Amino acid sequence: MSKLRFRITLQKQTSVRDEQGNVVTSWSDMGTVWSSYEPNPNRWREFFSGDATISESYARFTARYRTDITPANRLVFENKIYDIVNVVDDSKKKYVWIIGKVSENGE
C-alpha cells in the first residue's frame, strides 16, 4: 500500500434556488483527506467523435475508510476534477479505493 501523501478534496452536488426561483446546481466540499494517487495507464483510451479527439484517463486513489463516498460525488486533485466511477472498501474497513476519471467538462 502506498503512502497517503496527497491531498484530495471530495465534493458533492448541491442544488439551490437563485433569486429568480431557478434551480442552480453547484458542488460543495465534503472534506479534504490524505490519499495515495496511482495513474492507471491500463484504463486510458482515445477515440474520435465528429471532428474532435476525445481521451479518457483514469486514476486510483486510496484514502482512509469513509461511508459517504459514492459515484454521485467527485474529487479534486492537483486542480483536476475527477468524476468518481467506482468506490470499493477493503474487508477490514480501513481503506477505500476510489476510481476516478478526469472530468470532460471540468465543471
N, C-alpha and C. Protein backbone atom coordinates (compact mmCIF):
# COMPACT_ATOMS: atom_id res chain seq x y z
N MET A 1 0.86 -1.17 0.00
CA MET A 1 0.00 0.00 0.00
C MET A 1 0.90 1.23 0.00
N SER A 2 0.66 2.11 -0.92
CA SER A 2 1.47 3.33 -0.98
C SER A 2 1.04 4.29 0.13
N LYS A 3 1.89 5.22 0.41
CA LYS A 3 1.62 6.17 1.49
C LYS A 3 0.54 7.16 1.09
N LEU A 4 -0.23 7.57 2.07
CA LEU A 4 -1.26 8.58 1.85
C LEU A 4 -0.60 9.95 1.98
N ARG A 5 -0.05 10.44 0.87
CA ARG A 5 0.73 11.68 0.94
C ARG A 5 0.20 12.78 0.05
N PHE A 6 -0.93 12.55 -0.61
CA PHE A 6 -1.54 13.57 -1.46
C PHE A 6 -2.86 14.03 -0.85
N ARG A 7 -3.22 15.28 -1.10
CA ARG A 7 -4.48 15.82 -0.60
C ARG A 7 -5.50 15.82 -1.73
N ILE A 8 -6.68 15.25 -1.45
CA ILE A 8 -7.78 15.32 -2.40
C ILE A 8 -8.97 15.95 -1.69
N THR A 9 -9.77 16.67 -2.45
CA THR A 9 -10.98 17.27 -1.91
C THR A 9 -12.18 16.54 -2.50
N LEU A 10 -13.00 15.98 -1.62
CA LEU A 10 -14.22 15.30 -2.04
C LEU A 10 -15.34 16.32 -2.12
N GLN A 11 -16.16 16.21 -3.16
CA GLN A 11 -17.25 17.17 -3.35
C GLN A 11 -18.55 16.45 -3.63
N LYS A 12 -19.66 17.08 -3.20
CA LYS A 12 -20.99 16.56 -3.50
C LYS A 12 -21.78 17.63 -4.23
N GLN A 13 -22.70 17.18 -5.05
CA GLN A 13 -23.51 18.10 -5.83
C GLN A 13 -24.66 18.61 -4.97
N THR A 14 -24.90 19.92 -5.04
CA THR A 14 -25.99 20.52 -4.30
C THR A 14 -26.82 21.37 -5.24
N SER A 15 -28.08 21.52 -4.89
CA SER A 15 -28.99 22.35 -5.69
C SER A 15 -29.63 23.39 -4.78
N VAL A 16 -29.63 24.62 -5.26
CA VAL A 16 -30.26 25.72 -4.53
C VAL A 16 -31.08 26.55 -5.52
N ARG A 17 -31.98 27.34 -5.00
CA ARG A 17 -32.77 28.24 -5.85
C ARG A 17 -32.12 29.61 -5.86
N ASP A 18 -32.02 30.21 -7.06
CA ASP A 18 -31.47 31.56 -7.16
C ASP A 18 -32.59 32.58 -6.90
N GLU A 19 -32.27 33.85 -7.07
CA GLU A 19 -33.22 34.92 -6.78
C GLU A 19 -34.47 34.87 -7.66
N GLN A 20 -34.34 34.30 -8.87
CA GLN A 20 -35.48 34.18 -9.77
C GLN A 20 -36.26 32.88 -9.55
N GLY A 21 -35.82 32.05 -8.62
CA GLY A 21 -36.51 30.80 -8.35
C GLY A 21 -36.01 29.62 -9.18
N ASN A 22 -35.00 29.84 -9.99
CA ASN A 22 -34.44 28.75 -10.79
C ASN A 22 -33.54 27.87 -9.94
N VAL A 23 -33.54 26.59 -10.24
CA VAL A 23 -32.66 25.66 -9.53
C VAL A 23 -31.26 25.75 -10.14
N VAL A 24 -30.30 26.02 -9.29
CA VAL A 24 -28.91 26.14 -9.71
C VAL A 24 -28.13 25.01 -9.05
N THR A 25 -27.40 24.26 -9.85
CA THR A 25 -26.62 23.14 -9.35
C THR A 25 -25.17 23.57 -9.19
N SER A 26 -24.59 23.23 -8.05
CA SER A 26 -23.17 23.53 -7.81
C SER A 26 -22.57 22.39 -7.01
N TRP A 27 -21.28 22.51 -6.73
CA TRP A 27 -20.57 21.48 -5.97
C TRP A 27 -20.08 22.09 -4.67
N SER A 28 -20.24 21.35 -3.57
CA SER A 28 -19.74 21.83 -2.28
C SER A 28 -18.77 20.79 -1.71
N ASP A 29 -17.80 21.27 -0.95
CA ASP A 29 -16.78 20.39 -0.39
C ASP A 29 -17.35 19.53 0.73
N MET A 30 -17.03 18.25 0.69
CA MET A 30 -17.36 17.32 1.77
C MET A 30 -16.21 17.23 2.76
N GLY A 31 -15.01 17.51 2.26
CA GLY A 31 -13.83 17.45 3.09
C GLY A 31 -12.60 17.20 2.26
N THR A 32 -11.45 17.49 2.85
CA THR A 32 -10.16 17.25 2.22
C THR A 32 -9.46 16.18 3.03
N VAL A 33 -8.98 15.15 2.34
CA VAL A 33 -8.39 13.99 3.02
C VAL A 33 -7.05 13.63 2.39
N TRP A 34 -6.26 12.88 3.15
CA TRP A 34 -5.00 12.35 2.65
C TRP A 34 -5.29 11.13 1.79
N SER A 35 -4.52 10.97 0.73
CA SER A 35 -4.77 9.89 -0.22
C SER A 35 -3.48 9.49 -0.92
N SER A 36 -3.49 8.28 -1.47
CA SER A 36 -2.44 7.93 -2.42
C SER A 36 -3.02 8.18 -3.81
N TYR A 37 -2.15 8.27 -4.78
CA TYR A 37 -2.56 8.53 -6.16
C TYR A 37 -1.80 7.61 -7.07
N GLU A 38 -2.54 6.88 -7.91
CA GLU A 38 -1.92 5.99 -8.88
C GLU A 38 -2.60 6.18 -10.23
N PRO A 39 -1.91 6.82 -11.18
CA PRO A 39 -2.50 6.90 -12.51
C PRO A 39 -2.66 5.50 -13.07
N ASN A 40 -3.70 5.28 -13.81
CA ASN A 40 -3.97 3.94 -14.32
C ASN A 40 -3.84 3.94 -15.84
N PRO A 41 -2.65 3.68 -16.37
CA PRO A 41 -2.46 3.71 -17.82
C PRO A 41 -3.23 2.59 -18.53
N ASN A 42 -3.64 1.56 -17.80
CA ASN A 42 -4.41 0.48 -18.41
C ASN A 42 -5.86 0.88 -18.66
N ARG A 43 -6.30 1.95 -18.00
CA ARG A 43 -7.65 2.43 -18.22
C ARG A 43 -7.59 3.81 -18.86
N TRP A 44 -7.04 3.87 -20.01
CA TRP A 44 -6.93 5.11 -20.77
C TRP A 44 -7.33 4.79 -22.18
N ARG A 45 -8.08 5.68 -22.77
CA ARG A 45 -8.44 5.45 -24.17
C ARG A 45 -8.64 6.78 -24.88
N GLU A 46 -8.53 6.70 -26.17
CA GLU A 46 -8.71 7.88 -27.01
C GLU A 46 -9.58 7.45 -28.18
N PHE A 47 -10.57 8.27 -28.49
CA PHE A 47 -11.44 7.94 -29.60
C PHE A 47 -11.87 9.22 -30.30
N PHE A 48 -12.45 9.06 -31.46
CA PHE A 48 -12.86 10.20 -32.27
C PHE A 48 -14.37 10.36 -32.21
N SER A 49 -14.80 11.60 -32.09
CA SER A 49 -16.21 11.92 -32.09
C SER A 49 -16.39 13.14 -32.98
N GLY A 50 -16.92 12.92 -34.17
CA GLY A 50 -17.04 14.03 -35.12
C GLY A 50 -15.66 14.51 -35.51
N ASP A 51 -15.41 15.81 -35.35
CA ASP A 51 -14.11 16.39 -35.68
C ASP A 51 -13.15 16.43 -34.49
N ALA A 52 -13.60 15.94 -33.33
CA ALA A 52 -12.79 16.06 -32.12
C ALA A 52 -12.22 14.70 -31.70
N THR A 53 -11.05 14.76 -31.09
CA THR A 53 -10.46 13.59 -30.47
C THR A 53 -10.74 13.67 -28.98
N ILE A 54 -11.31 12.62 -28.44
CA ILE A 54 -11.66 12.60 -27.02
C ILE A 54 -10.78 11.56 -26.34
N SER A 55 -10.18 11.95 -25.23
CA SER A 55 -9.38 10.99 -24.48
C SER A 55 -9.94 10.89 -23.06
N GLU A 56 -9.83 9.71 -22.50
CA GLU A 56 -10.25 9.46 -21.13
C GLU A 56 -9.07 8.92 -20.36
N SER A 57 -8.82 9.47 -19.20
CA SER A 57 -7.76 8.93 -18.36
C SER A 57 -8.31 8.72 -16.96
N TYR A 58 -7.84 7.65 -16.34
CA TYR A 58 -8.33 7.22 -15.04
C TYR A 58 -7.20 7.21 -14.03
N ALA A 59 -7.59 7.23 -12.75
CA ALA A 59 -6.62 7.11 -11.67
C ALA A 59 -7.29 6.41 -10.50
N ARG A 60 -6.46 5.79 -9.66
CA ARG A 60 -6.97 5.18 -8.44
C ARG A 60 -6.43 5.95 -7.25
N PHE A 61 -7.32 6.29 -6.35
CA PHE A 61 -6.98 6.99 -5.12
C PHE A 61 -7.31 6.06 -3.96
N THR A 62 -6.44 6.04 -2.96
CA THR A 62 -6.69 5.26 -1.74
C THR A 62 -6.74 6.25 -0.59
N ALA A 63 -7.82 6.16 0.20
CA ALA A 63 -7.99 7.05 1.34
C ALA A 63 -8.45 6.23 2.54
N ARG A 64 -8.44 6.83 3.71
CA ARG A 64 -8.97 6.17 4.89
C ARG A 64 -10.45 5.90 4.69
N TYR A 65 -10.93 4.85 5.30
CA TYR A 65 -12.30 4.39 5.12
C TYR A 65 -13.31 5.50 5.46
N ARG A 66 -14.27 5.66 4.58
CA ARG A 66 -15.41 6.58 4.76
C ARG A 66 -16.63 5.91 4.16
N THR A 67 -17.79 6.23 4.70
CA THR A 67 -19.03 5.63 4.18
C THR A 67 -19.79 6.58 3.26
N ASP A 68 -19.34 7.82 3.15
CA ASP A 68 -20.13 8.82 2.42
C ASP A 68 -19.64 9.09 1.00
N ILE A 69 -18.74 8.29 0.47
CA ILE A 69 -18.24 8.50 -0.89
C ILE A 69 -18.98 7.57 -1.84
N THR A 70 -19.58 8.16 -2.89
CA THR A 70 -20.32 7.38 -3.88
C THR A 70 -19.98 7.90 -5.29
N PRO A 71 -20.38 7.18 -6.32
CA PRO A 71 -20.17 7.69 -7.69
C PRO A 71 -20.95 8.98 -7.99
N ALA A 72 -21.85 9.38 -7.11
CA ALA A 72 -22.54 10.66 -7.30
C ALA A 72 -21.64 11.84 -6.93
N ASN A 73 -20.54 11.55 -6.23
CA ASN A 73 -19.59 12.58 -5.82
C ASN A 73 -18.50 12.75 -6.87
N ARG A 74 -17.62 13.68 -6.61
CA ARG A 74 -16.43 13.87 -7.44
C ARG A 74 -15.30 14.27 -6.53
N LEU A 75 -14.08 14.31 -7.08
CA LEU A 75 -12.95 14.75 -6.27
C LEU A 75 -12.07 15.69 -7.08
N VAL A 76 -11.31 16.49 -6.37
CA VAL A 76 -10.39 17.43 -7.00
C VAL A 76 -8.99 17.07 -6.51
N PHE A 77 -8.09 16.89 -7.47
CA PHE A 77 -6.69 16.56 -7.17
C PHE A 77 -5.81 17.35 -8.12
N GLU A 78 -4.90 18.13 -7.56
CA GLU A 78 -3.96 18.95 -8.34
C GLU A 78 -4.69 19.76 -9.42
N ASN A 79 -5.75 20.42 -9.02
CA ASN A 79 -6.55 21.30 -9.89
C ASN A 79 -7.25 20.58 -11.03
N LYS A 80 -7.34 19.25 -10.96
CA LYS A 80 -8.11 18.48 -11.94
C LYS A 80 -9.32 17.89 -11.24
N ILE A 81 -10.42 17.87 -11.95
CA ILE A 81 -11.65 17.30 -11.42
C ILE A 81 -11.77 15.87 -11.93
N TYR A 82 -12.04 14.95 -11.02
CA TYR A 82 -12.23 13.54 -11.36
C TYR A 82 -13.66 13.13 -11.01
N ASP A 83 -14.38 12.61 -12.00
CA ASP A 83 -15.68 12.00 -11.73
C ASP A 83 -15.42 10.65 -11.10
N ILE A 84 -16.11 10.35 -10.02
CA ILE A 84 -15.91 9.07 -9.34
C ILE A 84 -16.69 8.00 -10.10
N VAL A 85 -15.97 6.99 -10.55
CA VAL A 85 -16.54 5.90 -11.33
C VAL A 85 -16.94 4.74 -10.43
N ASN A 86 -16.09 4.44 -9.43
CA ASN A 86 -16.36 3.31 -8.54
C ASN A 86 -15.69 3.55 -7.20
N VAL A 87 -16.28 2.99 -6.16
CA VAL A 87 -15.74 3.07 -4.81
C VAL A 87 -15.77 1.67 -4.22
N VAL A 88 -14.63 1.20 -3.72
CA VAL A 88 -14.54 -0.14 -3.14
C VAL A 88 -13.83 -0.02 -1.80
N ASP A 89 -14.42 -0.62 -0.76
CA ASP A 89 -13.75 -0.62 0.53
C ASP A 89 -13.12 -1.98 0.79
N ASP A 90 -12.09 -1.96 1.63
CA ASP A 90 -11.46 -3.24 1.96
C ASP A 90 -12.29 -3.95 3.02
N SER A 91 -12.06 -5.22 3.18
CA SER A 91 -12.88 -6.03 4.09
C SER A 91 -12.71 -5.63 5.56
N LYS A 92 -11.61 -4.98 5.87
CA LYS A 92 -11.36 -4.55 7.26
C LYS A 92 -11.88 -3.15 7.54
N LYS A 93 -12.43 -2.52 6.50
CA LYS A 93 -12.96 -1.16 6.61
C LYS A 93 -11.89 -0.17 7.12
N LYS A 94 -10.69 -0.35 6.59
CA LYS A 94 -9.58 0.54 6.94
C LYS A 94 -9.32 1.56 5.83
N TYR A 95 -9.48 1.11 4.57
CA TYR A 95 -9.23 1.97 3.42
C TYR A 95 -10.40 1.90 2.45
N VAL A 96 -10.45 2.88 1.57
CA VAL A 96 -11.40 2.88 0.48
C VAL A 96 -10.64 3.23 -0.79
N TRP A 97 -10.92 2.48 -1.85
CA TRP A 97 -10.29 2.75 -3.14
C TRP A 97 -11.29 3.47 -4.01
N ILE A 98 -10.87 4.58 -4.59
CA ILE A 98 -11.73 5.42 -5.42
C ILE A 98 -11.17 5.43 -6.83
N ILE A 99 -11.96 4.98 -7.79
CA ILE A 99 -11.56 5.04 -9.19
C ILE A 99 -12.17 6.31 -9.77
N GLY A 100 -11.32 7.18 -10.31
CA GLY A 100 -11.78 8.44 -10.86
C GLY A 100 -11.38 8.59 -12.32
N LYS A 101 -12.24 9.26 -13.06
CA LYS A 101 -11.97 9.57 -14.47
C LYS A 101 -11.90 11.09 -14.59
N VAL A 102 -10.88 11.59 -15.25
CA VAL A 102 -10.76 13.03 -15.43
C VAL A 102 -12.03 13.55 -16.09
N SER A 103 -12.62 14.55 -15.48
CA SER A 103 -13.88 15.09 -15.96
C SER A 103 -13.72 15.74 -17.32
N GLU A 104 -14.67 15.47 -18.21
CA GLU A 104 -14.61 16.04 -19.56
C GLU A 104 -14.94 17.51 -19.58
N ASN A 105 -15.90 17.92 -18.74
CA ASN A 105 -16.31 19.33 -18.80
C ASN A 105 -15.65 20.20 -17.74
N GLY A 106 -15.03 19.60 -16.74
CA GLY A 106 -14.29 20.38 -15.75
C GLY A 106 -15.14 21.27 -14.89
N GLU A 107 -16.44 21.04 -14.83
CA GLU A 107 -17.31 21.90 -14.03
C GLU A 107 -17.63 21.25 -12.71
